[in-house]
C-alpha atoms as a PDB file:
ATOM      1  CA  MET A   1    -111.449  82.197 192.823  1.00  0.00           C
ATOM      2  CA  ALA A   2    -109.683  79.240 191.250  1.00  0.00           C
ATOM      3  CA  GLN A   3    -112.178  76.849 192.758  1.00  0.00           C
ATOM      4  CA  ASP A   4    -115.059  78.816 191.216  1.00  0.00           C
ATOM      5  CA  ALA A   5    -113.507  78.906 187.740  1.00  0.00           C
ATOM      6  CA  LEU A   6    -112.709  75.199 187.947  1.00  0.00           C
ATOM      7  CA  SER A   7    -115.882  74.026 189.652  1.00  0.00           C
ATOM      8  CA  ARG A   8    -118.709  71.757 188.544  1.00  0.00           C
ATOM      9  CA  GLY A   9    -120.943  73.597 186.118  1.00  0.00           C
ATOM     10  CA  ALA A  10    -118.230  75.969 184.920  1.00  0.00           C
ATOM     11  CA  VAL A  11    -117.474  76.252 181.191  1.00  0.00           C
ATOM     12  CA  ALA A  12    -114.018  75.721 179.695  1.00  0.00           C
ATOM     13  CA  VAL A  13    -112.673  76.487 176.220  1.00  0.00           C
ATOM     14  CA  VAL A  14    -109.468  74.663 175.264  1.00  0.00           C
ATOM     15  CA  THR A  15    -107.575  75.098 171.994  1.00  0.00           C
ATOM     16  CA  GLY A  16    -105.281  72.393 170.685  1.00  0.00           C
ATOM     17  CA  ALA A  17    -107.750  70.063 172.368  1.00  0.00           C
ATOM     18  CA  ALA A  18    -107.517  67.003 170.132  1.00  0.00           C
ATOM     19  CA  SER A  19    -104.215  65.727 171.522  1.00  0.00           C
ATOM     20  CA  GLY A  20    -101.456  66.211 174.058  1.00  0.00           C
ATOM     21  CA  ILE A  21    -101.775  68.690 176.898  1.00  0.00           C
ATOM     22  CA  GLY A  22    -104.979  70.157 175.492  1.00  0.00           C
ATOM     23  CA  LEU A  23    -106.731  66.800 175.419  1.00  0.00           C
ATOM     24  CA  ALA A  24    -105.471  65.978 178.902  1.00  0.00           C
ATOM     25  CA  ALA A  25    -106.844  69.317 180.117  1.00  0.00           C
ATOM     26  CA  VAL A  26    -110.228  68.578 178.583  1.00  0.00           C
ATOM     27  CA  GLY A  27    -110.307  65.197 180.322  1.00  0.00           C
ATOM     28  CA  ALA A  28    -109.388  66.662 183.699  1.00  0.00           C
ATOM     29  CA  LEU A  29    -111.868  69.524 183.449  1.00  0.00           C
ATOM     30  CA  ALA A  30    -114.642  67.205 182.289  1.00  0.00           C
ATOM     31  CA  ALA A  31    -113.916  64.946 185.255  1.00  0.00           C
ATOM     32  CA  ARG A  32    -114.614  67.948 187.510  1.00  0.00           C
ATOM     33  CA  GLY A  33    -118.070  68.281 185.971  1.00  0.00           C
ATOM     34  CA  MET A  34    -117.267  71.246 183.748  1.00  0.00           C
ATOM     35  CA  SER A  35    -118.683  71.752 180.286  1.00  0.00           C
ATOM     36  CA  VAL A  36    -115.904  71.685 177.707  1.00  0.00           C
ATOM     37  CA  ILE A  37    -115.503  73.301 174.309  1.00  0.00           C
ATOM     38  CA  MET A  38    -112.830  71.467 172.357  1.00  0.00           C
ATOM     39  CA  VAL A  39    -111.107  73.493 169.640  1.00  0.00           C
ATOM     40  CA  ASP A  40    -108.643  72.110 167.102  1.00  0.00           C
ATOM     41  CA  ILE A  41    -107.782  72.286 163.421  1.00  0.00           C
ATOM     42  CA  ASP A  42    -107.639  68.486 163.056  1.00  0.00           C
ATOM     43  CA  ALA A  43    -111.306  67.655 162.514  1.00  0.00           C
ATOM     44  CA  ALA A  44    -110.899  63.871 162.505  1.00  0.00           C
ATOM     45  CA  LYS A  45    -109.062  63.716 165.829  1.00  0.00           C
ATOM     46  CA  LEU A  46    -111.269  66.400 167.312  1.00  0.00           C
ATOM     47  CA  ASN A  47    -114.503  64.621 166.486  1.00  0.00           C
ATOM     48  CA  ALA A  48    -113.216  61.257 167.681  1.00  0.00           C
ATOM     49  CA  GLU A  49    -112.015  62.629 171.012  1.00  0.00           C
ATOM     50  CA  GLY A  50    -115.121  64.762 171.379  1.00  0.00           C
ATOM     51  CA  GLU A  51    -117.334  61.721 171.011  1.00  0.00           C
ATOM     52  CA  ARG A  52    -115.264  59.869 173.588  1.00  0.00           C
ATOM     53  CA  ILE A  53    -115.529  62.695 176.121  1.00  0.00           C
ATOM     54  CA  ALA A  54    -119.246  63.152 175.435  1.00  0.00           C
ATOM     55  CA  ALA A  55    -119.895  59.462 176.043  1.00  0.00           C
ATOM     56  CA  SER A  56    -118.996  59.925 179.695  1.00  0.00           C
ATOM     57  CA  LEU A  57    -119.850  63.593 180.279  1.00  0.00           C
ATOM     58  CA  GLY A  58    -122.973  63.903 178.144  1.00  0.00           C
ATOM     59  CA  THR A  59    -123.402  65.490 174.740  1.00  0.00           C
ATOM     60  CA  HIS A  60    -125.062  68.561 176.271  1.00  0.00           C
ATOM     61  CA  LYS A  61    -121.804  69.412 178.069  1.00  0.00           C
ATOM     62  CA  VAL A  62    -119.402  68.931 175.149  1.00  0.00           C
ATOM     63  CA  MET A  63    -118.922  71.082 172.074  1.00  0.00           C
ATOM     64  CA  THR A  64    -116.338  70.552 169.350  1.00  0.00           C
ATOM     65  CA  ARG A  65    -115.323  73.268 166.933  1.00  0.00           C
ATOM     66  CA  GLU A  66    -112.885  72.844 164.066  1.00  0.00           C
ATOM     67  CA  THR A  67    -111.038  76.159 164.050  1.00  0.00           C
ATOM     68  CA  ASP A  68    -107.850  77.659 162.692  1.00  0.00           C
ATOM     69  CA  VAL A  69    -106.791  79.689 165.713  1.00  0.00           C
ATOM     70  CA  ALA A  70    -104.598  81.839 163.472  1.00  0.00           C
ATOM     71  CA  ASP A  71    -107.774  83.283 161.925  1.00  0.00           C
ATOM     72  CA  ALA A  72    -109.061  86.166 164.045  1.00  0.00           C
ATOM     73  CA  SER A  73    -112.516  86.050 162.474  1.00  0.00           C
ATOM     74  CA  ALA A  74    -112.771  82.325 163.182  1.00  0.00           C
ATOM     75  CA  ILE A  75    -111.912  82.941 166.841  1.00  0.00           C
ATOM     76  CA  ALA A  76    -114.534  85.677 167.035  1.00  0.00           C
ATOM     77  CA  ALA A  77    -117.110  83.310 165.546  1.00  0.00           C
ATOM     78  CA  LEU A  78    -116.046  80.625 168.025  1.00  0.00           C
ATOM     79  CA  ALA A  79    -116.630  82.973 170.952  1.00  0.00           C
ATOM     80  CA  ASP A  80    -120.071  83.912 169.660  1.00  0.00           C
ATOM     81  CA  ALA A  81    -120.998  80.247 169.222  1.00  0.00           C
ATOM     82  CA  VAL A  82    -119.826  79.360 172.725  1.00  0.00           C
ATOM     83  CA  TYR A  83    -121.742  82.197 174.355  1.00  0.00           C
ATOM     84  CA  ASP A  84    -124.839  81.434 172.277  1.00  0.00           C
ATOM     85  CA  ARG A  85    -124.855  77.861 173.564  1.00  0.00           C
ATOM     86  CA  PHE A  86    -123.464  78.111 177.097  1.00  0.00           C
ATOM     87  CA  GLY A  87    -123.853  81.774 178.004  1.00  0.00           C
ATOM     88  CA  ARG A  88    -120.563  81.939 179.882  1.00  0.00           C
ATOM     89  CA  VAL A  89    -116.861  81.082 179.825  1.00  0.00           C
ATOM     90  CA  ASP A  90    -115.015  80.511 183.088  1.00  0.00           C
ATOM     91  CA  PHE A  91    -111.783  78.980 181.835  1.00  0.00           C
ATOM     92  CA  LEU A  92    -109.966  79.762 178.581  1.00  0.00           C
ATOM     93  CA  MET A  93    -106.849  77.771 177.738  1.00  0.00           C
ATOM     94  CA  ASN A  94    -104.857  78.963 174.737  1.00  0.00           C
ATOM     95  CA  ASN A  95    -102.864  75.809 174.150  1.00  0.00           C
ATOM     96  CA  ALA A  96    -102.678  75.362 170.374  1.00  0.00           C
ATOM     97  CA  ALA A  97     -99.135  75.565 169.025  1.00  0.00           C
ATOM     98  CA  VAL A  98     -96.962  74.577 166.101  1.00  0.00           C
ATOM     99  CA  ARG A  99     -93.273  73.849 166.076  1.00  0.00           C
ATOM    100  CA  VAL A 100     -91.065  74.272 163.006  1.00  0.00           C
ATOM    101  CA  ALA A 101     -88.004  72.062 162.859  1.00  0.00           C
ATOM    102  CA  GLY A 102     -84.760  73.983 162.648  1.00  0.00           C
ATOM    103  CA  GLY A 103     -83.537  77.366 163.734  1.00  0.00           C
ATOM    104  CA  ALA A 104     -83.313  80.590 161.732  1.00  0.00           C
ATOM    105  CA  ARG A 105     -85.396  79.610 158.731  1.00  0.00           C
ATOM    106  CA  ASP A 106     -85.321  81.662 155.517  1.00  0.00           C
ATOM    107  CA  ASP A 107     -88.996  81.080 154.754  1.00  0.00           C
ATOM    108  CA  LEU A 108     -90.894  84.063 156.141  1.00  0.00           C
ATOM    109  CA  ASN A 109     -94.136  82.162 155.714  1.00  0.00           C
ATOM    110  CA  GLU A 110     -92.946  79.758 158.417  1.00  0.00           C
ATOM    111  CA  TRP A 111     -92.214  82.690 160.690  1.00  0.00           C
ATOM    112  CA  HIS A 112     -95.618  84.235 160.106  1.00  0.00           C
ATOM    113  CA  ARG A 113     -97.553  80.986 160.504  1.00  0.00           C
ATOM    114  CA  THR A 114     -95.759  79.993 163.706  1.00  0.00           C
ATOM    115  CA  MET A 115     -96.202  83.450 165.200  1.00  0.00           C
ATOM    116  CA  GLU A 116     -99.877  83.473 164.238  1.00  0.00           C
ATOM    117  CA  VAL A 117    -100.610  80.156 165.972  1.00  0.00           C
ATOM    118  CA  ASN A 118     -98.270  80.406 168.948  1.00  0.00           C
ATOM    119  CA  PHE A 119     -98.727  84.089 169.779  1.00  0.00           C
ATOM    120  CA  TRP A 120    -101.412  85.943 167.872  1.00  0.00           C
ATOM    121  CA  ALA A 121    -104.022  83.253 168.503  1.00  0.00           C
ATOM    122  CA  ALA A 122    -103.857  84.064 172.221  1.00  0.00           C
ATOM    123  CA  VAL A 123    -104.333  87.760 171.450  1.00  0.00           C
ATOM    124  CA  TYR A 124    -107.283  86.994 169.183  1.00  0.00           C
ATOM    125  CA  ALA A 125    -108.851  84.806 171.879  1.00  0.00           C
ATOM    126  CA  GLU A 126    -108.392  87.475 174.535  1.00  0.00           C
ATOM    127  CA  ARG A 127    -110.089  90.057 172.326  1.00  0.00           C
ATOM    128  CA  ALA A 128    -112.963  87.677 171.562  1.00  0.00           C
ATOM    129  CA  PHE A 129    -113.588  86.239 175.032  1.00  0.00           C
ATOM    130  CA  LEU A 130    -112.155  88.528 177.708  1.00  0.00           C
ATOM    131  CA  PRO A 131    -114.622  91.458 177.568  1.00  0.00           C
ATOM    132  CA  ARG A 132    -117.535  89.107 178.195  1.00  0.00           C
ATOM    133  CA  MET A 133    -115.599  87.212 180.865  1.00  0.00           C
ATOM    134  CA  ILE A 134    -114.952  90.474 182.731  1.00  0.00           C
ATOM    135  CA  GLU A 135    -118.514  91.695 182.236  1.00  0.00           C
ATOM    136  CA  ALA A 136    -119.878  88.513 183.830  1.00  0.00           C
ATOM    137  CA  GLY A 137    -118.347  89.619 187.121  1.00  0.00           C
ATOM    138  CA  GLN A 138    -117.483  86.051 188.075  1.00  0.00           C
ATOM    139  CA  PRO A 139    -114.090  84.461 188.810  1.00  0.00           C
ATOM    140  CA  ALA A 140    -112.535  83.239 185.565  1.00  0.00           C
ATOM    141  CA  MET A 141    -109.132  82.252 184.233  1.00  0.00           C
ATOM    142  CA  ILE A 142    -107.071  82.520 181.079  1.00  0.00           C
ATOM    143  CA  VAL A 143    -104.189  80.042 180.809  1.00  0.00           C
ATOM    144  CA  ASN A 144    -101.632  80.447 178.026  1.00  0.00           C
ATOM    145  CA  THR A 145     -99.313  77.532 177.319  1.00  0.00           C
ATOM    146  CA  GLY A 146     -95.771  78.825 177.050  1.00  0.00           C
ATOM    147  CA  SER A 147     -92.435  77.042 176.930  1.00  0.00           C
ATOM    148  CA  LYS A 148     -89.116  77.016 178.740  1.00  0.00           C
ATOM    149  CA  GLN A 149     -87.628  77.744 175.325  1.00  0.00           C
ATOM    150  CA  GLY A 150     -89.280  81.150 175.501  1.00  0.00           C
ATOM    151  CA  ILE A 151     -87.302  81.858 178.683  1.00  0.00           C
ATOM    152  CA  THR A 152     -83.858  80.302 178.221  1.00  0.00           C
ATOM    153  CA  ASN A 153     -83.825  80.481 174.386  1.00  0.00           C
ATOM    154  CA  PRO A 154     -81.762  77.359 173.608  1.00  0.00           C
ATOM    155  CA  PRO A 155     -80.256  77.348 170.101  1.00  0.00           C
ATOM    156  CA  GLY A 156     -81.840  75.165 167.461  1.00  0.00           C
ATOM    157  CA  ASN A 157     -85.351  76.541 166.994  1.00  0.00           C
ATOM    158  CA  LEU A 158     -85.281  80.311 166.862  1.00  0.00           C
ATOM    159  CA  ILE A 159     -88.754  80.661 165.372  1.00  0.00           C
ATOM    160  CA  TYR A 160     -90.448  78.663 168.132  1.00  0.00           C
ATOM    161  CA  ASN A 161     -88.406  80.338 170.874  1.00  0.00           C
ATOM    162  CA  THR A 162     -89.340  83.778 169.594  1.00  0.00           C
ATOM    163  CA  THR A 163     -93.060  83.028 169.589  1.00  0.00           C
ATOM    164  CA  LYS A 164     -93.019  81.598 173.097  1.00  0.00           C
ATOM    165  CA  SER A 165     -90.951  84.501 174.400  1.00  0.00           C
ATOM    166  CA  ALA A 166     -93.546  86.878 172.984  1.00  0.00           C
ATOM    167  CA  LEU A 167     -96.345  84.884 174.602  1.00  0.00           C
ATOM    168  CA  LYS A 168     -94.613  85.021 177.990  1.00  0.00           C
ATOM    169  CA  THR A 169     -94.238  88.795 177.804  1.00  0.00           C
ATOM    170  CA  TYR A 170     -97.818  89.208 176.630  1.00  0.00           C
ATOM    171  CA  THR A 171     -99.272  87.032 179.387  1.00  0.00           C
ATOM    172  CA  GLU A 172     -97.289  88.842 182.075  1.00  0.00           C
ATOM    173  CA  GLY A 173     -98.571  92.181 180.812  1.00  0.00           C
ATOM    174  CA  LEU A 174    -102.114  90.846 180.546  1.00  0.00           C
ATOM    175  CA  GLN A 175    -102.160  89.723 184.168  1.00  0.00           C
ATOM    176  CA  HIS A 176    -100.759  93.078 185.271  1.00  0.00           C
ATOM    177  CA  ARG A 177    -103.594  94.818 183.443  1.00  0.00           C
ATOM    178  CA  LEU A 178    -106.259  92.489 184.821  1.00  0.00           C
ATOM    179  CA  ARG A 179    -105.183  92.857 188.433  1.00  0.00           C
ATOM    180  CA  ASN A 180    -105.285  96.640 188.051  1.00  0.00           C
ATOM    181  CA  THR A 181    -108.757  96.690 186.487  1.00  0.00           C
ATOM    182  CA  ASP A 182    -111.386  97.660 189.040  1.00  0.00           C
ATOM    183  CA  GLY A 183    -113.877  94.899 189.705  1.00  0.00           C
ATOM    184  CA  CYS A 184    -112.136  92.420 187.407  1.00  0.00           C
ATOM    185  CA  LYS A 185    -112.267  88.834 188.639  1.00  0.00           C
ATOM    186  CA  VAL A 186    -110.428  87.334 185.664  1.00  0.00           C
ATOM    187  CA  THR A 187    -106.822  86.240 186.093  1.00  0.00           C
ATOM    188  CA  ALA A 188    -104.188  85.212 183.551  1.00  0.00           C
ATOM    189  CA  HIS A 189    -101.646  82.440 184.063  1.00  0.00           C
ATOM    190  CA  LEU A 190     -98.637  81.051 182.184  1.00  0.00           C
ATOM    191  CA  LEU A 191     -98.261  77.274 181.938  1.00  0.00           C
ATOM    192  CA  ILE A 192     -94.662  76.287 181.194  1.00  0.00           C
ATOM    193  CA  PRO A 193     -94.405  72.541 180.540  1.00  0.00           C
ATOM    194  CA  GLY A 194     -91.190  70.612 180.709  1.00  0.00           C
ATOM    195  CA  TRP A 195     -90.392  67.784 178.335  1.00  0.00           C
ATOM    196  CA  THR A 196     -93.816  66.340 177.594  1.00  0.00           C
ATOM    197  CA  ILE A 197     -94.708  63.347 175.432  1.00  0.00           C
ATOM    198  CA  THR A 198     -97.445  64.927 173.319  1.00  0.00           C
ATOM    199  CA  GLY A 199     -97.348  63.097 169.999  1.00  0.00           C
ATOM    200  CA  PRO A 200     -97.723  59.530 168.751  1.00  0.00           C
ATOM    201  CA  HIS A 201     -94.229  58.632 169.874  1.00  0.00           C
ATOM    202  CA  THR A 202     -92.785  55.803 171.891  1.00  0.00           C
ATOM    203  CA  PRO A 203     -92.931  56.923 175.540  1.00  0.00           C
ATOM    204  CA  ASP A 204     -89.579  58.239 176.712  1.00  0.00           C
ATOM    205  CA  PRO A 205     -88.598  57.790 180.352  1.00  0.00           C
ATOM    206  CA  GLY A 206     -87.343  61.377 180.455  1.00  0.00           C
ATOM    207  CA  GLY A 207     -90.647  63.005 179.560  1.00  0.00           C
ATOM    208  CA  TRP A 208     -93.811  63.632 181.490  1.00  0.00           C
ATOM    209  CA  GLN A 209     -97.187  62.536 180.239  1.00  0.00           C
ATOM    210  CA  PRO A 210     -99.669  65.332 179.417  1.00  0.00           C
ATOM    211  CA  GLU A 211    -101.848  64.222 182.320  1.00  0.00           C
ATOM    212  CA  GLN A 212     -99.003  64.949 184.739  1.00  0.00           C
ATOM    213  CA  VAL A 213     -98.646  68.460 183.361  1.00  0.00           C
ATOM    214  CA  VAL A 214    -102.365  69.119 183.725  1.00  0.00           C
ATOM    215  CA  GLU A 215    -102.487  67.687 187.239  1.00  0.00           C
ATOM    216  CA  LEU A 216     -99.760  70.108 188.318  1.00  0.00           C
ATOM    217  CA  MET A 217    -101.399  72.945 186.405  1.00  0.00           C
ATOM    218  CA  ILE A 218    -104.687  72.551 188.261  1.00  0.00           C
ATOM    219  CA  LYS A 219    -102.938  72.247 191.619  1.00  0.00           C
ATOM    220  CA  ARG A 220    -100.954  75.425 191.028  1.00  0.00           C
ATOM    221  CA  LEU A 221    -103.973  77.307 189.668  1.00  0.00           C
ATOM    222  CA  GLU A 222    -105.822  76.449 192.850  1.00  0.00           C
ATOM    223  CA  GLN A 223    -102.899  77.978 194.751  1.00  0.00           C
ATOM    224  CA  GLY A 224    -103.226  81.169 192.710  1.00  0.00           C
ATOM    225  CA  ASP A 225     -99.838  80.889 190.986  1.00  0.00           C
ATOM    226  CA  PHE A 226     -99.128  82.817 187.798  1.00  0.00           C
ATOM    227  CA  TYR A 227     -96.019  80.937 186.651  1.00  0.00           C
ATOM    228  CA  ILE A 228     -96.609  77.189 186.480  1.00  0.00           C
ATOM    229  CA  ILE A 229     -93.214  75.723 185.615  1.00  0.00           C
ATOM    230  CA  CYS A 230     -93.318  71.957 185.225  1.00  0.00           C
ATOM    231  CA  PRO A 231     -90.374  69.649 185.803  1.00  0.00           C
ATOM    232  CA  ASP A 232     -90.025  66.350 183.998  1.00  0.00           C
ATOM    233  CA  ASN A 233     -88.274  63.085 184.695  1.00  0.00           C
ATOM    234  CA  GLU A 234     -84.878  64.551 183.801  1.00  0.00           C
ATOM    235  CA  VAL A 235     -85.097  68.222 184.793  1.00  0.00           C
ATOM    236  CA  THR A 236     -85.830  69.069 188.421  1.00  0.00           C
ATOM    237  CA  PRO A 237     -87.300  72.356 189.682  1.00  0.00           C
ATOM    238  CA  GLN A 238     -83.865  73.214 191.048  1.00  0.00           C
ATOM    239  CA  MET A 239     -82.315  72.757 187.598  1.00  0.00           C
ATOM    240  CA  ASP A 240     -84.966  75.010 186.086  1.00  0.00           C
ATOM    241  CA  VAL A 241     -84.170  77.732 188.615  1.00  0.00           C
ATOM    242  CA  LYS A 242     -80.450  77.587 187.802  1.00  0.00           C
ATOM    243  CA  ARG A 243     -81.061  77.698 184.057  1.00  0.00           C
ATOM    244  CA  ILE A 244     -83.455  80.640 184.290  1.00  0.00           C
ATOM    245  CA  LEU A 245     -81.145  82.592 186.585  1.00  0.00           C
ATOM    246  CA  TRP A 246     -78.189  81.898 184.301  1.00  0.00           C
ATOM    247  CA  ALA A 247     -80.117  83.148 181.274  1.00  0.00           C
ATOM    248  CA  ALA A 248     -80.997  86.368 183.112  1.00  0.00           C
ATOM    249  CA  GLY A 249     -77.374  86.669 184.201  1.00  0.00           C
ATOM    250  CA  ASP A 250     -76.232  87.029 180.606  1.00  0.00           C
ATOM    251  CA  MET A 251     -77.498  90.612 180.826  1.00  0.00           C
ATOM    252  CA  THR A 252     -76.714  91.428 184.434  1.00  0.00           C
ATOM    253  CA  GLU A 253     -73.208  89.925 184.201  1.00  0.00           C
ATOM    254  CA  ASN A 254     -72.572  91.234 180.655  1.00  0.00           C
ATOM    255  CA  ARG A 255     -71.923  87.786 179.245  1.00  0.00           C
ATOM    256  CA  PRO A 256     -72.464  86.863 175.575  1.00  0.00           C
ATOM    257  CA  PRO A 257     -76.076  85.991 174.741  1.00  0.00           C
ATOM    258  CA  LEU A 258     -76.865  82.304 175.174  1.00  0.00           C
ATOM    259  CA  SER A 259     -73.622  81.971 177.109  1.00  0.00           C
ATOM    260  CA  ARG A 260     -74.776  78.610 178.400  1.00  0.00           C
ATOM    261  CA  TRP A 261     -73.866  77.284 174.953  1.00  0.00           C
ATOM    262  CA  HIS A 262     -70.867  79.594 174.350  1.00  0.00           C
ATOM    263  CA  PRO A 263     -67.466  77.828 174.208  1.00  0.00           C
ATOM    264  CA  ASP A 264     -65.998  80.244 176.764  1.00  0.00           C
ATOM    265  CA  TRP A 265     -68.843  79.815 179.222  1.00  0.00           C
ATOM    266  CA  ALA A 266     -70.407  76.384 178.709  1.00  0.00           C
ATOM    267  CA  ASP A 267     -68.057  74.595 181.105  1.00  0.00           C
ATOM    268  CA  ILE A 268     -68.529  77.289 183.740  1.00  0.00           C
ATOM    269  CA  PHE A 269     -72.291  76.866 183.541  1.00  0.00           C
ATOM    270  CA  LYS A 270     -71.986  73.099 183.817  1.00  0.00           C
ATOM    271  CA  SER A 271     -69.736  73.401 186.854  1.00  0.00           C
ATOM    272  CA  GLN A 272     -72.318  75.583 188.592  1.00  0.00           C
ATOM    273  CA  ALA A 273     -75.369  73.665 187.451  1.00  0.00           C
END
């Protein structure tokens, strides 16, 4: 099924497509001969990158759409435009995200905006695209970009962590529903990047490049995996396993929440990690 949804001639919609992991995904999917719909709120970057992709893939296989993914009506209009032009969607990647510096912010507008982009946008996209993806009766995929912060909840950015935790729970429930829907050939998947260099920053030896994340994503999608947890140049898969198990152990062992950073438990975690 993965090969069909990621094959030449398939159609992919990617949000947050003007930079970072989204742009890397567009490049990789275009290289496979797929048509790509690039969605972003930054019109200047979007148009520039769209022209670059179209120069190699062909303008007939590239569509750019400036869209605020936090606007449900805009997402609905996007879906209509995509189906009007291409008639199908085989791969939907909800990748757009915002990050607010700081932890428990007092500004509720920041909470609402971050939740709208990081969580509700995926719900809006599912409502707009999924019924037609299921109706097509063909193998298709929805990939939501999560975060390790939505699993281990490190202190320092409570707003972001909350949104990504919600997205994880939502995507898990979505896949459960899809696999129990008779005749449904659509699957949902959760991409969980590690430290990734996604902005105009000096490359850091500890971080992965977006292209590395996407390469692993495609490999794991082809294997049929739901959870796609990416390492980086500092955090190994084994370290991720220990951190995730420790976070779950806060409940099963009746430790304080976020005990990994608790003065009574931090050294114990380090000794075991």
